Amino acid sequence: MEISPAQVLASLPQPDAAHEKARWCWAERRGAKSPLAAGAVMVGTAGEREVQVSATAEVTALPDRARVCVLVGSRKEAAVQAKSSVIRRLDYIVQSVRGHGVQEENITVTKDFRRIENGYQMEAEISVIFSDFAKMEDLCNLLVEKLDSSVIIGSPQYFHTSEAVENIRRQACLRAVANSRRKAIDVCRLLGQSLGRPLIIREEETNETEGVASEQVTPDDARPLTIQQQISNASVTVYSKVFVTFELKSKDICKKNS
């Protein structure tokens, strides 16, 4: 992802004509026709002192949930036999899921019973959402060991909850604001000034991508993705760019106030 260089503007007291020229030069560099249109922030008059900084940040987070579907089925000449075969395995699977600490709201069971040629068919699907991936792997291994080919276990589907995504967005914005403050402090030190309170904070740009660019792996017909590769592909990266205006204080004024 291409990130534009940080933009910094310090506004210091100066004669009106020179200050107005500095304002217009800054606006032209941002491609605006007027100082107000340049980022919707107007640099103050000669009596006002401020430093304006834009900064960016990225936050990457791995998925916090995984969904696994388990399918059991049976075909028998008698309806009772088809049902009992599936129900017996279904009960064992559900009890095993509960034994691994999964709450009821994260367990969904659907059943399908139908008449087929020369008999009856029943299928049941158990969808389980895990927050603990280690427990998920233990359960899948247990079902393969105990039920063997009588069950079909799907590949885990990794994802983020809406709360997790919102937290990632918030963290990216907060880090960008923190970066802007650090840069503003460096500018103030260079100019022999002190940084005051923030006057304007605006998030100008956000972007979200899935997968880690340096590690993203595409499926291969010969080699299925490993668990770690699937988790990496499901990660989310949030980019945030902010524009912040801080009050600029003279060190002499700060000393008098103290």
C-alpha atoms as a PDB file:
ATOM      1  CA  MET A   1       0.000   0.000   0.000  1.00  0.00           C
ATOM      2  CA  GLU A   2       1.447   3.377  -1.009  1.00  0.00           C
ATOM      3  CA  ILE A   3       1.436   5.957   1.772  1.00  0.00           C
ATOM      4  CA  SER A   4       1.952   9.627   0.995  1.00  0.00           C
ATOM      5  CA  PRO A   5       4.644  11.490   2.943  1.00  0.00           C
ATOM      6  CA  ALA A   6       3.534  13.283   6.089  1.00  0.00           C
ATOM      7  CA  GLN A   7       2.602  16.937   5.535  1.00  0.00           C
ATOM      8  CA  VAL A   8       3.574  19.526   8.128  1.00  0.00           C
ATOM      9  CA  LEU A   9       2.776  23.238   8.290  1.00  0.00           C
ATOM     10  CA  ALA A  10       3.803  25.559  11.098  1.00  0.00           C
ATOM     11  CA  SER A  11       2.113  28.934  11.274  1.00  0.00           C
ATOM     12  CA  LEU A  12       4.150  31.549  13.165  1.00  0.00           C
ATOM     13  CA  PRO A  13       3.467  35.257  13.834  1.00  0.00           C
ATOM     14  CA  GLN A  14       4.685  37.392  10.930  1.00  0.00           C
ATOM     15  CA  PRO A  15       3.641  40.530   9.004  1.00  0.00           C
ATOM     16  CA  ASP A  16       0.185  40.267   7.451  1.00  0.00           C
ATOM     17  CA  ALA A  17       1.379  40.225   3.834  1.00  0.00           C
ATOM     18  CA  ALA A  18       4.011  37.578   4.427  1.00  0.00           C
ATOM     19  CA  HIS A  19       1.616  35.455   6.476  1.00  0.00           C
ATOM     20  CA  GLU A  20      -1.055  35.635   3.792  1.00  0.00           C
ATOM     21  CA  LYS A  21       1.503  34.562   1.188  1.00  0.00           C
ATOM     22  CA  ALA A  22       2.520  31.574   3.333  1.00  0.00           C
ATOM     23  CA  ARG A  23      -1.138  30.566   3.609  1.00  0.00           C
ATOM     24  CA  TRP A  24      -1.644  30.678  -0.145  1.00  0.00           C
ATOM     25  CA  CYS A  25       1.572  28.761  -0.814  1.00  0.00           C
ATOM     26  CA  TRP A  26       0.398  25.965   1.488  1.00  0.00           C
ATOM     27  CA  ALA A  27      -3.001  25.896  -0.174  1.00  0.00           C
ATOM     28  CA  GLU A  28      -1.449  25.676  -3.645  1.00  0.00           C
ATOM     29  CA  ARG A  29       0.776  22.775  -2.590  1.00  0.00           C
ATOM     30  CA  ARG A  30      -2.369  20.897  -1.576  1.00  0.00           C
ATOM     31  CA  GLY A  31      -3.982  21.672  -4.925  1.00  0.00           C
ATOM     32  CA  ALA A  32      -6.693  23.931  -3.462  1.00  0.00           C
ATOM     33  CA  LYS A  33      -8.009  27.224  -4.788  1.00  0.00           C
ATOM     34  CA  SER A  34      -8.253  28.835  -1.370  1.00  0.00           C
ATOM     35  CA  PRO A  35      -6.796  28.298   2.111  1.00  0.00           C
ATOM     36  CA  LEU A  36     -10.217  27.236   3.425  1.00  0.00           C
ATOM     37  CA  ALA A  37     -10.670  24.565   0.747  1.00  0.00           C
ATOM     38  CA  ALA A  38      -7.257  23.122   1.513  1.00  0.00           C
ATOM     39  CA  GLY A  39      -8.360  20.337   3.810  1.00  0.00           C
ATOM     40  CA  ALA A  40     -11.331  22.432   5.071  1.00  0.00           C
ATOM     41  CA  VAL A  41      -9.054  24.141   7.602  1.00  0.00           C
ATOM     42  CA  MET A  42      -8.055  27.812   7.325  1.00  0.00           C
ATOM     43  CA  VAL A  43      -4.723  28.843   8.771  1.00  0.00           C
ATOM     44  CA  GLY A  44      -5.310  31.657  11.249  1.00  0.00           C
ATOM     45  CA  THR A  45      -4.373  35.280  10.978  1.00  0.00           C
ATOM     46  CA  ALA A  46      -0.984  36.638  11.912  1.00  0.00           C
ATOM     47  CA  GLY A  47      -1.946  36.645  15.582  1.00  0.00           C
ATOM     48  CA  GLU A  48      -2.761  32.946  15.629  1.00  0.00           C
ATOM     49  CA  ARG A  49      -0.147  30.266  16.052  1.00  0.00           C
ATOM     50  CA  GLU A  50      -0.649  26.643  15.026  1.00  0.00           C
ATOM     51  CA  VAL A  51       1.072  23.609  13.595  1.00  0.00           C
ATOM     52  CA  GLN A  52      -0.757  21.273  11.200  1.00  0.00           C
ATOM     53  CA  VAL A  53       0.343  17.672  10.733  1.00  0.00           C
ATOM     54  CA  SER A  54      -0.935  14.710   8.726  1.00  0.00           C
ATOM     55  CA  ALA A  55       0.090  11.199   9.763  1.00  0.00           C
ATOM     56  CA  THR A  56      -0.809   7.579   9.039  1.00  0.00           C
ATOM     57  CA  ALA A  57      -0.986   4.245  10.818  1.00  0.00           C
ATOM     58  CA  GLU A  58      -1.774   0.615  10.023  1.00  0.00           C
ATOM     59  CA  VAL A  59      -3.141  -2.081  12.308  1.00  0.00           C
ATOM     60  CA  THR A  60      -3.260  -5.770  11.320  1.00  0.00           C
ATOM     61  CA  ALA A  61      -5.245  -8.331  13.293  1.00  0.00           C
ATOM     62  CA  LEU A  62      -5.739 -12.061  12.900  1.00  0.00           C
ATOM     63  CA  PRO A  63      -9.302 -13.480  12.841  1.00  0.00           C
ATOM     64  CA  ASP A  64     -10.915 -14.028  16.234  1.00  0.00           C
ATOM     65  CA  ARG A  65     -13.507 -16.633  15.195  1.00  0.00           C
ATOM     66  CA  ALA A  66     -13.647 -19.846  13.171  1.00  0.00           C
ATOM     67  CA  ARG A  67     -16.671 -21.783  11.908  1.00  0.00           C
ATOM     68  CA  VAL A  68     -16.563 -25.553  11.373  1.00  0.00           C
ATOM     69  CA  CYS A  69     -19.374 -27.607   9.819  1.00  0.00           C
ATOM     70  CA  VAL A  70     -19.750 -31.336  10.521  1.00  0.00           C
ATOM     71  CA  LEU A  71     -22.052 -33.461   8.346  1.00  0.00           C
ATOM     72  CA  VAL A  72     -23.489 -36.869   9.233  1.00  0.00           C
ATOM     73  CA  GLY A  73     -25.864 -38.907   7.104  1.00  0.00           C
ATOM     74  CA  SER A  74     -27.474 -42.307   6.675  1.00  0.00           C
ATOM     75  CA  ARG A  75     -29.493 -44.242   4.067  1.00  0.00           C
ATOM     76  CA  LYS A  76     -31.584 -47.175   5.259  1.00  0.00           C
ATOM     77  CA  GLU A  77     -34.544 -49.160   4.035  1.00  0.00           C
ATOM     78  CA  ALA A  78     -36.399 -48.425   7.263  1.00  0.00           C
ATOM     79  CA  ALA A  79     -37.060 -44.850   8.428  1.00  0.00           C
ATOM     80  CA  VAL A  80     -36.345 -45.672  12.068  1.00  0.00           C
ATOM     81  CA  GLN A  81     -32.927 -47.097  11.243  1.00  0.00           C
ATOM     82  CA  ALA A  82     -31.942 -44.054   9.181  1.00  0.00           C
ATOM     83  CA  LYS A  83     -32.976 -41.709  11.975  1.00  0.00           C
ATOM     84  CA  SER A  84     -31.376 -43.634  14.822  1.00  0.00           C
ATOM     85  CA  SER A  85     -28.058 -43.942  12.976  1.00  0.00           C
ATOM     86  CA  VAL A  86     -27.813 -40.186  12.517  1.00  0.00           C
ATOM     87  CA  ILE A  87     -29.217 -39.191  15.919  1.00  0.00           C
ATOM     88  CA  ARG A  88     -26.722 -41.416  17.735  1.00  0.00           C
ATOM     89  CA  ARG A  89     -23.721 -39.748  16.057  1.00  0.00           C
ATOM     90  CA  LEU A  90     -25.322 -36.309  16.257  1.00  0.00           C
ATOM     91  CA  ASP A  91     -25.743 -36.574  20.030  1.00  0.00           C
ATOM     92  CA  TYR A  92     -22.117 -37.642  20.428  1.00  0.00           C
ATOM     93  CA  ILE A  93     -20.873 -34.698  18.326  1.00  0.00           C
ATOM     94  CA  VAL A  94     -22.970 -32.112  20.189  1.00  0.00           C
ATOM     95  CA  GLN A  95     -21.847 -33.458  23.581  1.00  0.00           C
ATOM     96  CA  SER A  96     -18.219 -33.351  22.433  1.00  0.00           C
ATOM     97  CA  VAL A  97     -18.647 -29.746  21.265  1.00  0.00           C
ATOM     98  CA  ARG A  98     -20.115 -28.728  24.626  1.00  0.00           C
ATOM     99  CA  GLY A  99     -17.296 -30.549  26.367  1.00  0.00           C
ATOM    100  CA  HIS A 100     -14.832 -28.246  24.582  1.00  0.00           C
ATOM    101  CA  GLY A 101     -16.409 -25.172  26.158  1.00  0.00           C
ATOM    102  CA  VAL A 102     -18.568 -23.982  23.258  1.00  0.00           C
ATOM    103  CA  GLN A 103     -21.706 -22.105  24.320  1.00  0.00           C
ATOM    104  CA  GLU A 104     -25.151 -23.088  23.048  1.00  0.00           C
ATOM    105  CA  GLU A 105     -25.541 -19.877  21.006  1.00  0.00           C
ATOM    106  CA  ASN A 106     -22.524 -20.919  18.945  1.00  0.00           C
ATOM    107  CA  ILE A 107     -23.975 -24.339  18.040  1.00  0.00           C
ATOM    108  CA  THR A 108     -26.459 -24.679  15.171  1.00  0.00           C
ATOM    109  CA  VAL A 109     -27.999 -28.015  14.168  1.00  0.00           C
ATOM    110  CA  THR A 110     -30.068 -28.575  11.030  1.00  0.00           C
ATOM    111  CA  LYS A 111     -31.740 -31.863  10.018  1.00  0.00           C
ATOM    112  CA  ASP A 112     -33.073 -33.151   6.725  1.00  0.00           C
ATOM    113  CA  PHE A 113     -35.155 -36.335   6.400  1.00  0.00           C
ATOM    114  CA  ARG A 114     -36.559 -37.540   3.089  1.00  0.00           C
ATOM    115  CA  ARG A 115     -37.888 -40.518   1.209  1.00  0.00           C
ATOM    116  CA  ILE A 116     -35.597 -41.859  -1.501  1.00  0.00           C
ATOM    117  CA  GLU A 117     -35.753 -44.767  -3.879  1.00  0.00           C
ATOM    118  CA  ASN A 118     -35.824 -48.038  -1.927  1.00  0.00           C
ATOM    119  CA  GLY A 119     -35.503 -46.378   1.438  1.00  0.00           C
ATOM    120  CA  TYR A 120     -35.029 -43.254   3.553  1.00  0.00           C
ATOM    121  CA  GLN A 121     -32.242 -40.734   3.928  1.00  0.00           C
ATOM    122  CA  MET A 122     -31.450 -38.496   6.858  1.00  0.00           C
ATOM    123  CA  GLU A 123     -28.709 -35.880   7.097  1.00  0.00           C
ATOM    124  CA  ALA A 124     -27.709 -33.565   9.923  1.00  0.00           C
ATOM    125  CA  GLU A 125     -25.308 -30.633   9.859  1.00  0.00           C
ATOM    126  CA  ILE A 126     -23.694 -29.170  12.960  1.00  0.00           C
ATOM    127  CA  SER A 127     -22.238 -25.665  12.587  1.00  0.00           C
ATOM    128  CA  VAL A 128     -19.925 -24.611  15.419  1.00  0.00           C
ATOM    129  CA  ILE A 129     -18.276 -21.225  15.997  1.00  0.00           C
ATOM    130  CA  PHE A 130     -15.030 -21.272  17.984  1.00  0.00           C
ATOM    131  CA  SER A 131     -13.104 -18.474  19.647  1.00  0.00           C
ATOM    132  CA  ASP A 132     -10.385 -20.873  20.812  1.00  0.00           C
ATOM    133  CA  PHE A 133      -8.668 -22.338  17.749  1.00  0.00           C
ATOM    134  CA  ALA A 134      -6.725 -24.908  19.776  1.00  0.00           C
ATOM    135  CA  LYS A 135      -9.965 -26.384  21.102  1.00  0.00           C
ATOM    136  CA  MET A 136     -11.330 -26.435  17.569  1.00  0.00           C
ATOM    137  CA  GLU A 137      -8.377 -28.494  16.357  1.00  0.00           C
ATOM    138  CA  ASP A 138      -8.705 -30.873  19.322  1.00  0.00           C
ATOM    139  CA  LEU A 139     -12.390 -31.442  18.596  1.00  0.00           C
ATOM    140  CA  CYS A 140     -11.843 -32.079  14.888  1.00  0.00           C
ATOM    141  CA  ASN A 141      -9.095 -34.587  15.666  1.00  0.00           C
ATOM    142  CA  LEU A 142     -11.348 -36.309  18.217  1.00  0.00           C
ATOM    143  CA  LEU A 143     -14.229 -36.677  15.747  1.00  0.00           C
ATOM    144  CA  VAL A 144     -11.934 -38.063  13.066  1.00  0.00           C
ATOM    145  CA  GLU A 145     -10.515 -40.559  15.558  1.00  0.00           C
ATOM    146  CA  LYS A 146     -13.845 -41.702  17.026  1.00  0.00           C
ATOM    147  CA  LEU A 147     -16.207 -41.494  14.045  1.00  0.00           C
ATOM    148  CA  ASP A 148     -13.769 -41.924  11.170  1.00  0.00           C
ATOM    149  CA  SER A 149     -15.419 -41.768   7.740  1.00  0.00           C
ATOM    150  CA  SER A 150     -18.962 -41.742   9.128  1.00  0.00           C
ATOM    151  CA  VAL A 151     -18.696 -37.944   9.432  1.00  0.00           C
ATOM    152  CA  ILE A 152     -17.534 -35.227   7.040  1.00  0.00           C
ATOM    153  CA  ILE A 153     -15.665 -32.334   8.671  1.00  0.00           C
ATOM    154  CA  GLY A 154     -15.375 -29.170   6.592  1.00  0.00           C
ATOM    155  CA  SER A 155     -12.373 -26.876   6.541  1.00  0.00           C
ATOM    156  CA  PRO A 156     -12.482 -24.073   9.141  1.00  0.00           C
ATOM    157  CA  GLN A 157     -13.789 -20.721   7.923  1.00  0.00           C
ATOM    158  CA  TYR A 158     -11.962 -17.927   9.749  1.00  0.00           C
ATOM    159  CA  PHE A 159     -13.507 -14.495  10.217  1.00  0.00           C
ATOM    160  CA  HIS A 160     -13.712 -11.394  12.427  1.00  0.00           C
ATOM    161  CA  THR A 161     -16.658 -10.407  14.559  1.00  0.00           C
ATOM    162  CA  SER A 162     -18.096  -6.949  13.901  1.00  0.00           C
ATOM    163  CA  GLU A 163     -16.831  -5.842  17.322  1.00  0.00           C
ATOM    164  CA  ALA A 164     -13.299  -6.955  16.460  1.00  0.00           C
ATOM    165  CA  VAL A 165     -13.317  -5.071  13.143  1.00  0.00           C
ATOM    166  CA  GLU A 166     -14.582  -1.914  14.832  1.00  0.00           C
ATOM    167  CA  ASN A 167     -11.814  -2.190  17.422  1.00  0.00           C
ATOM    168  CA  ILE A 168      -9.192  -2.520  14.654  1.00  0.00           C
ATOM    169  CA  ARG A 169     -10.537   0.624  12.970  1.00  0.00           C
ATOM    170  CA  ARG A 170     -10.450   2.513  16.254  1.00  0.00           C
ATOM    171  CA  GLN A 171      -6.892   1.414  17.047  1.00  0.00           C
ATOM    172  CA  ALA A 172      -5.676   2.481  13.583  1.00  0.00           C
ATOM    173  CA  CYS A 173      -7.178   5.952  14.015  1.00  0.00           C
ATOM    174  CA  LEU A 174      -5.784   6.358  17.538  1.00  0.00           C
ATOM    175  CA  ARG A 175      -2.304   5.320  16.436  1.00  0.00           C
ATOM    176  CA  ALA A 176      -2.422   7.776  13.533  1.00  0.00           C
ATOM    177  CA  VAL A 177      -3.375  10.583  15.941  1.00  0.00           C
ATOM    178  CA  ALA A 178      -0.549   9.549  18.295  1.00  0.00           C
ATOM    179  CA  ASN A 179       1.876   9.605  15.336  1.00  0.00           C
ATOM    180  CA  SER A 180       0.691  13.088  14.387  1.00  0.00           C
ATOM    181  CA  ARG A 181       1.346  14.351  17.904  1.00  0.00           C
ATOM    182  CA  ARG A 182       4.873  12.904  17.946  1.00  0.00           C
ATOM    183  CA  LYS A 183       5.639  14.586  14.626  1.00  0.00           C
ATOM    184  CA  ALA A 184       4.197  17.888  15.820  1.00  0.00           C
ATOM    185  CA  ILE A 185       6.392  17.729  18.941  1.00  0.00           C
ATOM    186  CA  ASP A 186       9.469  17.195  16.745  1.00  0.00           C
ATOM    187  CA  VAL A 187       8.513  20.218  14.622  1.00  0.00           C
ATOM    188  CA  CYS A 188       8.037  22.372  17.716  1.00  0.00           C
ATOM    189  CA  ARG A 189      11.443  21.374  19.064  1.00  0.00           C
ATOM    190  CA  LEU A 190      13.036  22.303  15.761  1.00  0.00           C
ATOM    191  CA  LEU A 191      11.344  25.717  15.824  1.00  0.00           C
ATOM    192  CA  GLY A 192      12.041  26.355  19.507  1.00  0.00           C
ATOM    193  CA  GLN A 193       8.334  26.292  20.344  1.00  0.00           C
ATOM    194  CA  SER A 194       6.054  24.260  22.613  1.00  0.00           C
ATOM    195  CA  LEU A 195       3.096  22.163  21.511  1.00  0.00           C
ATOM    196  CA  GLY A 196      -0.301  23.244  22.797  1.00  0.00           C
ATOM    197  CA  ARG A 197      -3.716  21.616  22.790  1.00  0.00           C
ATOM    198  CA  PRO A 198      -5.226  19.999  19.671  1.00  0.00           C
ATOM    199  CA  LEU A 199      -7.596  22.330  17.812  1.00  0.00           C
ATOM    200  CA  ILE A 200      -8.851  20.089  14.985  1.00  0.00           C
ATOM    201  CA  ILE A 201      -8.629  16.312  14.489  1.00  0.00           C
ATOM    202  CA  ARG A 202      -9.971  14.867  11.259  1.00  0.00           C
ATOM    203  CA  GLU A 203      -9.663  11.368   9.790  1.00  0.00           C
ATOM    204  CA  GLU A 204      -9.120  11.992   6.078  1.00  0.00           C
ATOM    205  CA  GLU A 205      -8.768   8.477   4.691  1.00  0.00           C
ATOM    206  CA  THR A 206      -9.343   4.862   5.698  1.00  0.00           C
ATOM    207  CA  ASN A 207      -8.777   1.607   3.867  1.00  0.00           C
ATOM    208  CA  GLU A 208      -9.289  -2.050   4.758  1.00  0.00           C
ATOM    209  CA  THR A 209      -7.654  -5.094   3.160  1.00  0.00           C
ATOM    210  CA  GLU A 210      -7.755  -8.815   3.856  1.00  0.00           C
ATOM    211  CA  GLY A 211      -4.683 -11.027   4.144  1.00  0.00           C
ATOM    212  CA  VAL A 212      -1.056 -10.104   4.756  1.00  0.00           C
ATOM    213  CA  ALA A 213       0.414  -8.891   1.469  1.00  0.00           C
ATOM    214  CA  SER A 214       3.828 -10.425   2.116  1.00  0.00           C
ATOM    215  CA  GLU A 215       2.383 -13.767   3.207  1.00  0.00           C
ATOM    216  CA  GLN A 216      -0.879 -14.160   1.297  1.00  0.00           C
ATOM    217  CA  VAL A 217      -1.111 -17.606  -0.271  1.00  0.00           C
ATOM    218  CA  THR A 218      -3.439 -18.735  -3.039  1.00  0.00           C
ATOM    219  CA  PRO A 219      -4.890 -22.244  -3.077  1.00  0.00           C
ATOM    220  CA  ASP A 220      -2.917 -24.941  -4.829  1.00  0.00           C
ATOM    221  CA  ASP A 221      -4.708 -27.959  -6.299  1.00  0.00           C
ATOM    222  CA  ALA A 222      -1.844 -30.204  -5.218  1.00  0.00           C
ATOM    223  CA  ARG A 223      -1.361 -28.773  -1.706  1.00  0.00           C
ATOM    224  CA  PRO A 224      -4.261 -27.466   0.411  1.00  0.00           C
ATOM    225  CA  LEU A 225      -3.634 -24.459   2.599  1.00  0.00           C
ATOM    226  CA  THR A 226      -2.318 -25.106   6.087  1.00  0.00           C
ATOM    227  CA  ILE A 227      -4.182 -23.811   9.142  1.00  0.00           C
ATOM    228  CA  GLN A 228      -1.672 -20.993   9.586  1.00  0.00           C
ATOM    229  CA  GLN A 229      -1.968 -19.995   5.928  1.00  0.00           C
ATOM    230  CA  GLN A 230      -5.761 -19.888   6.210  1.00  0.00           C
ATOM    231  CA  ILE A 231      -5.531 -17.717   9.323  1.00  0.00           C
ATOM    232  CA  SER A 232      -3.055 -15.373   7.612  1.00  0.00           C
ATOM    233  CA  ASN A 233      -5.312 -15.028   4.561  1.00  0.00           C
ATOM    234  CA  ALA A 234      -8.240 -14.101   6.820  1.00  0.00           C
ATOM    235  CA  SER A 235      -6.361 -11.334   8.669  1.00  0.00           C
ATOM    236  CA  VAL A 236      -7.569  -7.739   8.306  1.00  0.00           C
ATOM    237  CA  THR A 237      -5.394  -4.639   7.906  1.00  0.00           C
ATOM    238  CA  VAL A 238      -6.850  -1.167   8.486  1.00  0.00           C
ATOM    239  CA  TYR A 239      -5.056   1.969   7.240  1.00  0.00           C
ATOM    240  CA  SER A 240      -5.914   5.386   8.655  1.00  0.00           C
ATOM    241  CA  LYS A 241      -4.745   8.881   7.717  1.00  0.00           C
ATOM    242  CA  VAL A 242      -5.510  11.835   9.966  1.00  0.00           C
ATOM    243  CA  PHE A 243      -5.037  15.602   9.773  1.00  0.00           C
ATOM    244  CA  VAL A 244      -4.496  17.387  13.089  1.00  0.00           C
ATOM    245  CA  THR A 245      -4.096  21.049  13.974  1.00  0.00           C
ATOM    246  CA  PHE A 246      -2.317  21.839  17.244  1.00  0.00           C
ATOM    247  CA  GLU A 247      -1.931  25.120  19.059  1.00  0.00           C
ATOM    248  CA  LEU A 248       1.631  26.437  18.908  1.00  0.00           C
ATOM    249  CA  LYS A 249       3.008  28.051  22.067  1.00  0.00           C
ATOM    250  CA  SER A 250       6.162  30.044  22.648  1.00  0.00           C
ATOM    251  CA  LYS A 251       8.451  28.586  25.289  1.00  0.00           C
ATOM    252  CA  ASP A 252       8.709  32.050  26.849  1.00  0.00           C
ATOM    253  CA  ILE A 253       4.924  32.162  27.321  1.00  0.00           C
ATOM    254  CA  CYS A 254       4.954  28.664  28.826  1.00  0.00           C
ATOM    255  CA  LYS A 255       7.626  29.715  31.322  1.00  0.00           C
ATOM    256  CA  LYS A 256       5.602  32.791  32.357  1.00  0.00           C
ATOM    257  CA  ASN A 257       2.452  30.717  32.848  1.00  0.00           C
ATOM    258  CA  SER A 258       4.340  28.200  34.981  1.00  0.00           C
END
